[in-house]
Amino acid sequence: MTEQSISYLPISENQSRFRELVNDALNHAKALGASDAAAEISESRGLSVSVRNKDIETVEQTRDRSLDLTVFAGTRRGSASTSDFSAQALRETVEAAWHIARYTAADPAAGLPEADQLAHDYPDLKLHHPWDISAEDAAALAIKAETAARDISPLITNTDGASVDTYEGHFVLGNSRGFMGGYPYSRHSISVAPIAGRGVNMQRDYWYTSARDASDMSDPAAVGRYAAERTLSRMSARRIKTGRFPVLFEAPLAVGLLGALVQATSGGALYRKASFLVDSLGKQIMSDHIDISENPHISGAMGSSPFDNEGVRTQARELVAAGVLNGYFLSTYTARKLGMQTTGNAGGSHNLHLGSRLTRAQDDFPGMLKKMGTGFLVTELIGQGVNYVSGDYSRGAFGYWVENGEIRHAVQEVTIAGNLADMFRQIVAVGSDVITRGSKSSGSILIEQMSIAGQ
């Protein structure tokens, strides 16, 4: 099979051809003497159009393809990749990986997943919804979003632009232990970033919508209007006095706390002893009303996958129940380093949802402000100030000062600080204002108290 016989998409045709290529690569690796091998072949294409002040700024079209191969000589491992799918290039890539494997150091944890852990049968999760849109039509949608933002108020004086992005691809993954699987996928988004004010009194905010199916996204004009409203609300920004106060993380930021938990309970951090949650399995790490679930099989969801990056089947689980940690995020390699079994999380988490047993329908965003009473609502975080070894947390922040459950004014140039272990245990409430960002969803999260450095 020549490279020219593999053209970019249509996906339905190339899936079967990709399976042939994966088989060819695995067979050649075994013929060379490899004890095991795994290969993944993928291709994708995307369109990104950005506009500013109703003019097109950029139009980017991307097409990517790759074949990634790992071969094993016992517990020695070698990897190589190519974007050339010709028979000769495939053989040379396999031989390069085999050469590396023969001369690299042995690693007792290296190797493929066990055969009984692999996903030999899996559901169609409806992850592919192509969006047949031209660059001109994408620009028109972006202009619609930007125009809606500017029409909200004359105080919106400029924008950082609006963009429409569409992306789709597919892959086939196979290994020498009998696994062969793959599927197509897509994701699309619309975003806009208005600017309010002039000179030294300028503020910027943004909003976006994203989905695997373009028909599930919010209307571009609605995205623009909400982005403008968020920007205008920042115009009253000033600093506040230093102190310790309750802190409410707006839902889009609350999912970031979920991300911090994933990082701290990932196998790589755990076996290196680089996490404040080492040896925390079965222990209380959060407030006793908090549950966190992982469900990889939600149809059409951004974080769904029937198997992980190694072909290990994924499954639903209660990661945290009543505040107790029931599981880590492990690949085959990190699980072996810890003397455990893979959790099917090579490549990351799948549709995490954080909820509280205390949450009621009336605990929407205004309801959460009332629960906080007086404190700091955080709507933007700046910097990466998280030390996962100690759990220390310090981030620049923008938000709003709240008194008696009502927003009084915007707040800028402050830093919030605490420790993630304390923050997790001091979650007072979780809102019913649930939002999904990527593979994580949560309502707003109220922390009992954090340090705020202001003036």
Protein backbone atom coordinates (compact mmCIF):
# COMPACT_ATOMS: atom_id res chain seq x y z
CA MET A 1 0.00 0.00 0.00
CA THR A 2 1.52 3.34 -1.02
CA GLU A 3 1.28 6.65 0.79
CA GLN A 4 -0.70 8.08 -2.11
CA SER A 5 -3.48 5.53 -1.52
CA ILE A 6 -4.12 7.07 1.91
CA SER A 7 -5.74 10.44 1.39
CA TYR A 8 -6.93 12.83 4.09
CA LEU A 9 -10.43 11.77 5.05
CA PRO A 10 -13.21 10.76 4.38
CA ILE A 11 -12.97 9.02 7.70
CA SER A 12 -15.29 6.13 6.88
CA GLU A 13 -12.92 5.00 4.13
CA ASN A 14 -9.61 5.54 5.91
CA GLN A 15 -10.55 3.68 9.10
CA SER A 16 -10.22 0.31 7.36
CA ARG A 17 -6.99 1.35 5.63
CA PHE A 18 -5.54 2.52 8.92
CA ARG A 19 -6.26 -0.88 10.45
CA GLU A 20 -4.25 -2.49 7.67
CA LEU A 21 -1.32 -0.15 8.32
CA VAL A 22 -1.39 -0.84 12.05
CA ASN A 23 -1.42 -4.58 11.37
CA ASP A 24 1.51 -4.22 8.95
CA ALA A 25 3.53 -2.30 11.56
CA LEU A 26 2.82 -4.83 14.32
CA ASN A 27 3.64 -7.78 12.09
CA HIS A 28 6.94 -6.25 11.00
CA ALA A 29 7.88 -5.55 14.64
CA LYS A 30 7.20 -9.16 15.60
CA ALA A 31 9.19 -10.38 12.58
CA LEU A 32 12.19 -8.37 13.78
CA GLY A 33 12.02 -10.10 17.15
CA ALA A 34 10.01 -7.66 19.26
CA SER A 35 8.31 -9.29 22.25
CA ASP A 36 5.42 -6.81 21.98
CA ALA A 37 4.44 -3.75 20.00
CA ALA A 38 1.78 -1.05 19.84
CA ALA A 39 0.98 1.32 16.99
CA GLU A 40 -1.36 4.26 16.53
CA ILE A 41 -2.14 5.95 13.24
CA SER A 42 -4.15 9.16 13.15
CA GLU A 43 -5.11 12.10 10.99
CA SER A 44 -7.01 15.31 11.62
CA ARG A 45 -8.02 18.52 9.96
CA GLY A 46 -9.15 21.85 11.30
CA LEU A 47 -10.28 25.33 10.37
CA SER A 48 -9.74 28.40 12.53
CA VAL A 49 -11.04 31.82 11.51
CA SER A 50 -10.52 34.94 13.60
CA VAL A 51 -11.94 38.41 13.03
CA ARG A 52 -11.39 41.79 14.61
CA ASN A 53 -13.44 44.92 14.06
CA LYS A 54 -15.47 43.03 11.45
CA ASP A 55 -12.40 42.24 9.35
CA ILE A 56 -10.88 38.82 8.92
CA GLU A 57 -7.54 38.63 10.71
CA THR A 58 -6.49 35.03 10.17
CA VAL A 59 -7.69 31.93 8.39
CA GLU A 60 -5.82 28.78 9.34
CA GLN A 61 -6.41 25.36 7.88
CA THR A 62 -4.54 22.44 9.41
CA ARG A 63 -4.03 18.86 8.30
CA ASP A 64 -1.99 16.50 10.42
CA ARG A 65 -1.20 12.82 10.21
CA SER A 66 1.14 10.53 12.10
CA LEU A 67 2.00 6.95 12.82
CA ASP A 68 3.42 6.40 16.31
CA LEU A 69 5.00 3.08 17.18
CA THR A 70 6.38 1.54 20.38
CA VAL A 71 8.18 -1.79 20.39
CA PHE A 72 9.41 -3.85 23.32
CA ALA A 73 12.36 -6.12 23.76
CA GLY A 74 11.27 -7.61 27.05
CA THR A 75 11.27 -4.67 29.47
CA ARG A 76 13.23 -2.44 27.12
CA ARG A 77 11.23 0.00 25.05
CA GLY A 78 11.77 2.05 21.91
CA SER A 79 9.52 4.50 20.09
CA ALA A 80 9.52 6.18 16.69
CA SER A 81 7.03 8.06 14.51
CA THR A 82 6.48 9.17 10.93
CA SER A 83 4.02 11.15 8.86
CA ASP A 84 4.90 9.15 5.75
CA PHE A 85 2.52 6.22 5.35
CA SER A 86 4.35 4.47 2.53
CA ALA A 87 5.34 0.83 3.02
CA GLN A 88 9.04 1.69 3.04
CA ALA A 89 8.63 4.49 5.61
CA LEU A 90 6.56 2.20 7.80
CA ARG A 91 9.27 -0.49 7.78
CA GLU A 92 11.98 2.07 8.52
CA THR A 93 10.00 3.48 11.43
CA VAL A 94 9.49 0.03 12.93
CA GLU A 95 13.20 -0.72 12.54
CA ALA A 96 14.16 2.59 14.16
CA ALA A 97 11.97 1.84 17.18
CA TRP A 98 13.39 -1.70 17.41
CA HIS A 99 16.94 -0.37 17.27
CA ILE A 100 16.21 1.99 20.17
CA ALA A 101 14.54 -0.77 22.20
CA ARG A 102 17.52 -3.11 21.84
CA TYR A 103 19.95 -0.57 23.30
CA THR A 104 17.89 1.27 25.89
CA ALA A 105 17.93 0.46 29.61
CA ALA A 106 15.53 -2.14 30.97
CA ASP A 107 12.55 -0.88 32.96
CA PRO A 108 10.57 -3.50 34.92
CA ALA A 109 7.40 -1.38 34.69
CA ALA A 110 7.52 -1.11 30.90
CA GLY A 111 5.16 -3.15 28.77
CA LEU A 112 1.68 -3.38 27.30
CA PRO A 113 -1.49 -3.73 29.37
CA GLU A 114 -2.61 -7.25 30.17
CA ALA A 115 -4.93 -8.75 27.55
CA ASP A 116 -7.88 -9.00 29.95
CA GLN A 117 -7.72 -5.23 30.57
CA LEU A 118 -8.23 -4.31 26.91
CA ALA A 119 -11.48 -3.06 25.38
CA HIS A 120 -12.32 -5.71 22.80
CA ASP A 121 -15.97 -4.61 22.56
CA TYR A 122 -16.98 -1.00 23.08
CA PRO A 123 -19.94 1.29 22.39
CA ASP A 124 -20.26 4.02 19.78
CA LEU A 125 -20.32 7.16 21.91
CA LYS A 126 -21.35 9.50 19.06
CA LEU A 127 -18.21 11.61 19.28
CA HIS A 128 -18.04 12.61 15.62
CA HIS A 129 -20.22 15.44 14.31
CA PRO A 130 -18.44 17.12 11.37
CA TRP A 131 -19.25 20.75 10.70
CA ASP A 132 -19.16 21.46 6.99
CA ILE A 133 -18.53 25.20 7.18
CA SER A 134 -16.54 27.42 4.82
CA ALA A 135 -14.05 30.05 5.93
CA GLU A 136 -16.49 32.74 4.76
CA ASP A 137 -19.37 31.35 6.81
CA ALA A 138 -17.14 30.89 9.84
CA ALA A 139 -16.05 34.53 9.53
CA ALA A 140 -19.69 35.60 9.35
CA LEU A 141 -20.45 33.79 12.62
CA ALA A 142 -17.43 35.34 14.32
CA ILE A 143 -18.46 38.81 13.12
CA LYS A 144 -21.96 38.16 14.45
CA ALA A 145 -20.52 37.38 17.89
CA GLU A 146 -18.22 40.40 17.86
CA THR A 147 -20.95 42.76 16.63
CA ALA A 148 -23.35 41.60 19.33
CA ALA A 149 -20.67 42.35 21.92
CA ARG A 150 -20.02 45.85 20.60
CA ASP A 151 -23.72 46.66 20.32
CA ILE A 152 -24.30 46.11 24.04
CA SER A 153 -22.85 49.48 25.04
CA PRO A 154 -20.73 52.35 23.67
CA LEU A 155 -18.37 51.55 26.55
CA ILE A 156 -17.26 48.50 24.54
CA THR A 157 -14.61 50.35 22.57
CA ASN A 158 -12.67 47.52 20.99
CA THR A 159 -12.19 43.77 20.96
CA ASP A 160 -9.38 41.27 21.01
CA GLY A 161 -11.35 39.58 18.29
CA ALA A 162 -13.73 36.69 17.87
CA SER A 163 -13.00 33.27 16.47
CA VAL A 164 -14.69 30.17 15.13
CA ASP A 165 -12.82 26.87 15.26
CA THR A 166 -13.75 23.46 13.92
CA TYR A 167 -11.70 20.30 14.22
CA GLU A 168 -12.21 16.64 13.38
CA GLY A 169 -10.08 13.56 13.10
CA HIS A 170 -9.87 9.83 13.63
CA PHE A 171 -7.38 7.21 14.71
CA VAL A 172 -6.74 3.50 14.95
CA LEU A 173 -4.81 2.00 17.86
CA GLY A 174 -3.61 -1.59 17.95
CA ASN A 175 -1.20 -3.80 19.84
CA SER A 176 0.27 -7.28 19.69
CA ARG A 177 -1.96 -8.53 22.50
CA GLY A 178 -5.02 -8.57 20.30
CA PHE A 179 -6.41 -5.07 20.66
CA MET A 180 -7.51 -3.09 17.62
CA GLY A 181 -9.82 -0.09 17.93
CA GLY A 182 -10.45 3.46 16.87
CA TYR A 183 -13.11 6.03 16.18
CA PRO A 184 -13.68 9.47 14.68
CA TYR A 185 -14.18 12.59 16.81
CA SER A 186 -14.87 16.30 16.48
CA ARG A 187 -14.93 19.50 18.49
CA HIS A 188 -16.00 23.04 17.63
CA SER A 189 -16.00 26.41 19.39
CA ILE A 190 -16.96 30.08 19.12
CA SER A 191 -15.29 32.72 21.30
CA VAL A 192 -15.19 36.51 21.64
CA ALA A 193 -13.13 38.88 23.82
CA PRO A 194 -14.50 42.45 24.16
CA ILE A 195 -12.58 45.42 25.56
CA ALA A 196 -14.24 48.20 27.53
CA GLY A 197 -12.96 51.68 28.37
CA ARG A 198 -9.97 53.64 27.15
CA GLY A 199 -6.44 54.51 28.22
CA VAL A 200 -5.52 53.34 31.71
CA ASN A 201 -9.14 52.47 32.50
CA MET A 202 -9.55 49.47 30.23
CA GLN A 203 -10.92 46.03 31.00
CA ARG A 204 -11.14 42.83 29.01
CA ASP A 205 -13.09 39.62 29.46
CA TYR A 206 -14.22 36.80 27.19
CA TRP A 207 -16.67 33.96 26.78
CA TYR A 208 -16.90 30.91 24.58
CA THR A 209 -19.07 27.96 23.71
CA SER A 210 -17.82 24.57 22.60
CA ALA A 211 -19.25 21.18 21.73
CA ARG A 212 -18.63 18.09 19.65
CA ASP A 213 -21.80 18.89 17.67
CA ALA A 214 -21.96 22.46 16.33
CA SER A 215 -25.75 22.48 16.78
CA ASP A 216 -25.21 22.15 20.55
CA MET A 217 -23.26 25.40 20.79
CA SER A 218 -24.80 28.64 22.01
CA ASP A 219 -25.87 31.25 19.48
CA PRO A 220 -22.89 33.45 18.49
CA ALA A 221 -24.79 36.65 19.34
CA ALA A 222 -25.60 35.31 22.81
CA VAL A 223 -21.92 34.50 23.35
CA GLY A 224 -20.97 38.03 22.29
CA ARG A 225 -23.55 39.70 24.52
CA TYR A 226 -22.55 37.70 27.59
CA ALA A 227 -18.85 38.37 26.96
CA ALA A 228 -19.64 42.09 26.77
CA GLU A 229 -21.67 42.02 29.99
CA ARG A 230 -18.81 40.32 31.80
CA THR A 231 -16.39 42.94 30.47
CA LEU A 232 -18.58 45.89 31.45
CA SER A 233 -19.03 44.55 34.98
CA ARG A 234 -15.25 44.84 35.47
CA MET A 235 -15.21 48.63 35.04
CA SER A 236 -15.66 49.30 38.76
CA ALA A 237 -12.53 47.30 39.63
CA ARG A 238 -10.36 48.31 42.57
CA ARG A 239 -8.28 46.65 45.23
CA ILE A 240 -9.51 45.50 48.62
CA LYS A 241 -7.83 45.23 52.00
CA THR A 242 -5.75 42.23 52.95
CA GLY A 243 -7.53 39.65 55.10
CA ARG A 244 -9.09 36.20 55.36
CA PHE A 245 -12.49 35.85 53.77
CA PRO A 246 -14.86 33.28 52.29
CA VAL A 247 -14.10 32.71 48.60
CA LEU A 248 -16.57 31.64 45.93
CA PHE A 249 -15.06 30.17 42.76
CA GLU A 250 -17.31 30.85 39.77
CA ALA A 251 -18.28 27.57 38.07
CA PRO A 252 -15.87 27.94 35.07
CA LEU A 253 -13.01 28.26 37.60
CA ALA A 254 -14.35 25.64 39.98
CA VAL A 255 -13.60 22.97 37.38
CA GLY A 256 -9.97 24.03 37.77
CA LEU A 257 -10.04 22.68 41.31
CA LEU A 258 -11.08 19.36 39.80
CA GLY A 259 -8.06 19.63 37.52
CA ALA A 260 -5.85 20.17 40.56
CA LEU A 261 -7.24 17.00 42.13
CA VAL A 262 -6.51 15.03 38.95
CA GLN A 263 -2.94 16.31 38.90
CA ALA A 264 -2.39 15.43 42.56
CA THR A 265 -3.84 11.91 42.20
CA SER A 266 -2.18 11.02 38.88
CA GLY A 267 0.20 8.09 38.86
CA GLY A 268 3.18 10.09 37.63
CA ALA A 269 3.03 12.47 40.58
CA LEU A 270 2.28 9.69 43.06
CA TYR A 271 5.12 7.29 42.24
CA ARG A 272 7.57 10.18 42.18
CA LYS A 273 6.26 11.28 45.62
CA ALA A 274 5.56 14.68 44.05
CA SER A 275 2.02 15.12 45.39
CA PHE A 276 0.49 16.23 48.67
CA LEU A 277 -2.00 13.37 48.24
CA VAL A 278 0.54 10.50 48.29
CA ASP A 279 -0.92 7.47 50.13
CA SER A 280 -4.34 9.13 50.33
CA LEU A 281 -6.38 6.24 48.92
CA GLY A 282 -9.28 5.41 51.23
CA LYS A 283 -8.77 8.58 53.24
CA GLN A 284 -10.94 11.65 53.76
CA ILE A 285 -9.58 14.39 51.49
CA MET A 286 -12.69 16.54 50.99
CA SER A 287 -15.74 17.72 52.89
CA ASP A 288 -17.99 14.76 53.71
CA HIS A 289 -20.80 16.07 51.46
CA ILE A 290 -18.65 15.99 48.31
CA ASP A 291 -18.89 13.29 45.64
CA ILE A 292 -16.87 13.13 42.41
CA SER A 293 -17.84 10.71 39.66
CA GLU A 294 -16.12 9.70 36.45
CA ASN A 295 -18.28 8.53 33.55
CA PRO A 296 -16.37 7.91 30.28
CA HIS A 297 -19.43 6.69 28.36
CA ILE A 298 -21.68 9.76 28.14
CA SER A 299 -22.86 10.00 24.54
CA GLY A 300 -21.36 12.99 22.73
CA ALA A 301 -19.53 14.41 25.75
CA MET A 302 -16.14 16.07 25.41
CA GLY A 303 -14.46 13.74 27.91
CA SER A 304 -15.97 10.49 26.65
CA SER A 305 -13.89 7.57 25.43
CA PRO A 306 -14.56 3.83 25.31
CA PHE A 307 -10.88 3.08 25.98
CA ASP A 308 -7.80 5.00 27.02
CA ASN A 309 -4.62 5.76 25.10
CA GLU A 310 -3.39 2.20 25.65
CA GLY A 311 -6.61 0.44 24.62
CA VAL A 312 -7.61 -0.29 28.22
CA ARG A 313 -11.38 -0.24 28.65
CA THR A 314 -12.78 2.71 30.55
CA GLN A 315 -15.50 2.41 33.16
CA ALA A 316 -17.66 4.58 35.36
CA ARG A 317 -16.60 4.94 38.99
CA GLU A 318 -17.07 7.04 42.10
CA LEU A 319 -13.70 8.69 42.49
CA VAL A 320 -14.68 10.47 45.70
CA ALA A 321 -17.62 9.40 47.86
CA ALA A 322 -18.60 11.42 50.94
CA GLY A 323 -15.18 13.09 50.74
CA VAL A 324 -13.22 9.81 50.72
CA LEU A 325 -10.80 9.19 47.83
CA ASN A 326 -11.59 5.84 46.20
CA GLY A 327 -9.23 5.86 43.22
CA TYR A 328 -6.24 7.33 41.44
CA PHE A 329 -5.65 8.14 37.74
CA LEU A 330 -3.27 5.45 36.53
CA SER A 331 -1.82 4.24 33.26
CA THR A 332 -0.31 0.77 32.92
CA TYR A 333 3.19 2.11 33.55
CA THR A 334 2.38 4.27 36.57
CA ALA A 335 0.18 1.54 38.05
CA ARG A 336 3.07 -0.93 37.91
CA LYS A 337 5.37 1.62 39.53
CA LEU A 338 2.88 1.79 42.40
CA GLY A 339 2.19 -1.94 42.54
CA MET A 340 -1.39 -1.38 41.42
CA GLN A 341 -3.67 -1.95 38.40
CA THR A 342 -4.31 0.56 35.61
CA THR A 343 -7.51 2.57 36.00
CA GLY A 344 -7.89 3.18 32.26
CA ASN A 345 -6.66 6.76 32.53
CA ALA A 346 -3.65 6.76 30.22
CA GLY A 347 -4.21 10.14 28.59
CA GLY A 348 -6.23 11.72 31.39
CA SER A 349 -9.63 11.81 33.08
CA HIS A 350 -13.03 11.16 31.53
CA ASN A 351 -16.10 13.32 32.29
CA LEU A 352 -15.49 14.17 35.93
CA HIS A 353 -18.40 15.69 37.84
CA LEU A 354 -18.10 17.29 41.26
CA GLY A 355 -21.28 17.58 43.29
CA SER A 356 -22.48 18.06 46.84
CA ARG A 357 -25.10 16.08 48.72
CA LEU A 358 -26.25 19.40 50.16
CA THR A 359 -26.94 21.14 46.84
CA ARG A 360 -30.55 22.13 46.16
CA ALA A 361 -32.18 23.67 43.07
CA GLN A 362 -32.24 27.10 44.74
CA ASP A 363 -28.45 27.03 45.07
CA ASP A 364 -28.02 28.78 41.73
CA PHE A 365 -25.47 31.57 41.29
CA PRO A 366 -27.49 34.22 43.19
CA GLY A 367 -28.21 31.60 45.83
CA MET A 368 -24.50 30.89 46.23
CA LEU A 369 -23.77 34.60 46.66
CA LYS A 370 -26.31 34.65 49.48
CA LYS A 371 -24.72 31.58 51.05
CA MET A 372 -21.37 33.35 51.05
CA GLY A 373 -22.84 36.55 52.48
CA THR A 374 -19.70 38.68 52.55
CA GLY A 375 -16.56 37.60 50.74
CA PHE A 376 -14.72 37.40 47.44
CA LEU A 377 -16.17 36.00 44.20
CA VAL A 378 -13.34 34.84 41.90
CA THR A 379 -13.96 34.97 38.15
CA GLU A 380 -10.41 34.96 36.79
CA LEU A 381 -7.15 33.40 37.97
CA ILE A 382 -3.71 34.56 36.87
CA GLY A 383 -0.50 32.56 36.95
CA GLN A 384 0.29 28.96 37.79
CA GLY A 385 1.05 29.26 41.50
CA VAL A 386 0.26 25.71 42.64
CA ASN A 387 2.87 23.55 44.37
CA TYR A 388 1.58 19.99 44.06
CA VAL A 389 4.24 18.61 46.40
CA SER A 390 3.08 20.71 49.34
CA GLY A 391 -0.40 21.67 48.13
CA ASP A 392 0.37 25.37 48.53
CA TYR A 393 -1.90 27.47 46.35
CA SER A 394 -1.27 31.11 45.44
CA ARG A 395 -2.80 32.76 42.38
CA GLY A 396 -3.37 36.28 41.14
CA ALA A 397 -7.09 36.87 40.93
CA PHE A 398 -9.81 39.10 39.55
CA GLY A 399 -13.36 39.04 40.83
CA TYR A 400 -16.02 40.86 42.83
CA TRP A 401 -16.49 41.96 46.42
CA VAL A 402 -19.76 40.67 47.81
CA GLU A 403 -21.62 42.02 50.84
CA ASN A 404 -24.83 40.57 52.23
CA GLY A 405 -25.14 38.34 49.18
CA GLU A 406 -24.93 41.21 46.67
CA ILE A 407 -22.05 42.14 44.36
CA ARG A 408 -20.74 45.60 45.32
CA HIS A 409 -17.82 46.20 42.96
CA ALA A 410 -15.15 44.49 40.89
CA VAL A 411 -11.80 43.62 42.47
CA GLN A 412 -8.41 43.57 40.79
CA GLU A 413 -4.72 43.26 41.69
CA VAL A 414 -5.17 40.79 44.53
CA THR A 415 -3.74 37.36 45.32
CA ILE A 416 -5.64 34.49 46.90
CA ALA A 417 -3.69 31.90 48.86
CA GLY A 418 -4.26 28.71 50.78
CA ASN A 419 -3.42 25.04 50.68
CA LEU A 420 -5.29 22.63 48.43
CA ALA A 421 -5.62 20.06 51.22
CA ASP A 422 -7.35 22.67 53.40
CA MET A 423 -9.38 24.07 50.50
CA PHE A 424 -10.75 20.64 49.60
CA ARG A 425 -11.80 20.01 53.21
CA GLN A 426 -13.28 23.50 53.57
CA ILE A 427 -15.74 23.28 50.66
CA VAL A 428 -18.88 24.65 52.27
CA ALA A 429 -21.24 24.38 49.30
CA VAL A 430 -21.43 23.56 45.60
CA GLY A 431 -23.88 25.44 43.37
CA SER A 432 -26.55 24.08 41.07
CA ASP A 433 -25.12 26.41 38.37
CA VAL A 434 -23.24 23.50 36.78
CA ILE A 435 -21.03 24.19 33.80
CA THR A 436 -18.87 21.82 31.73
CA ARG A 437 -15.43 22.77 30.54
CA GLY A 438 -13.73 20.02 28.56
CA SER A 439 -13.87 16.79 30.53
CA LYS A 440 -14.88 18.35 33.85
CA SER A 441 -18.09 19.80 35.26
CA SER A 442 -19.00 21.53 38.50
CA GLY A 443 -21.16 24.23 39.95
CA SER A 444 -19.61 27.22 41.73
CA ILE A 445 -17.62 26.19 44.81
CA LEU A 446 -17.65 28.05 48.12
CA ILE A 447 -14.51 27.75 50.26
CA GLU A 448 -14.91 28.60 53.94
CA GLN A 449 -11.92 30.93 54.12
CA MET A 450 -8.77 31.87 52.21
CA SER A 451 -6.12 34.54 52.54
CA ILE A 452 -6.49 37.52 50.21
CA ALA A 453 -3.53 39.86 49.73
CA GLY A 454 -4.73 43.27 48.62
CA GLN A 455 -3.62 46.66 49.87
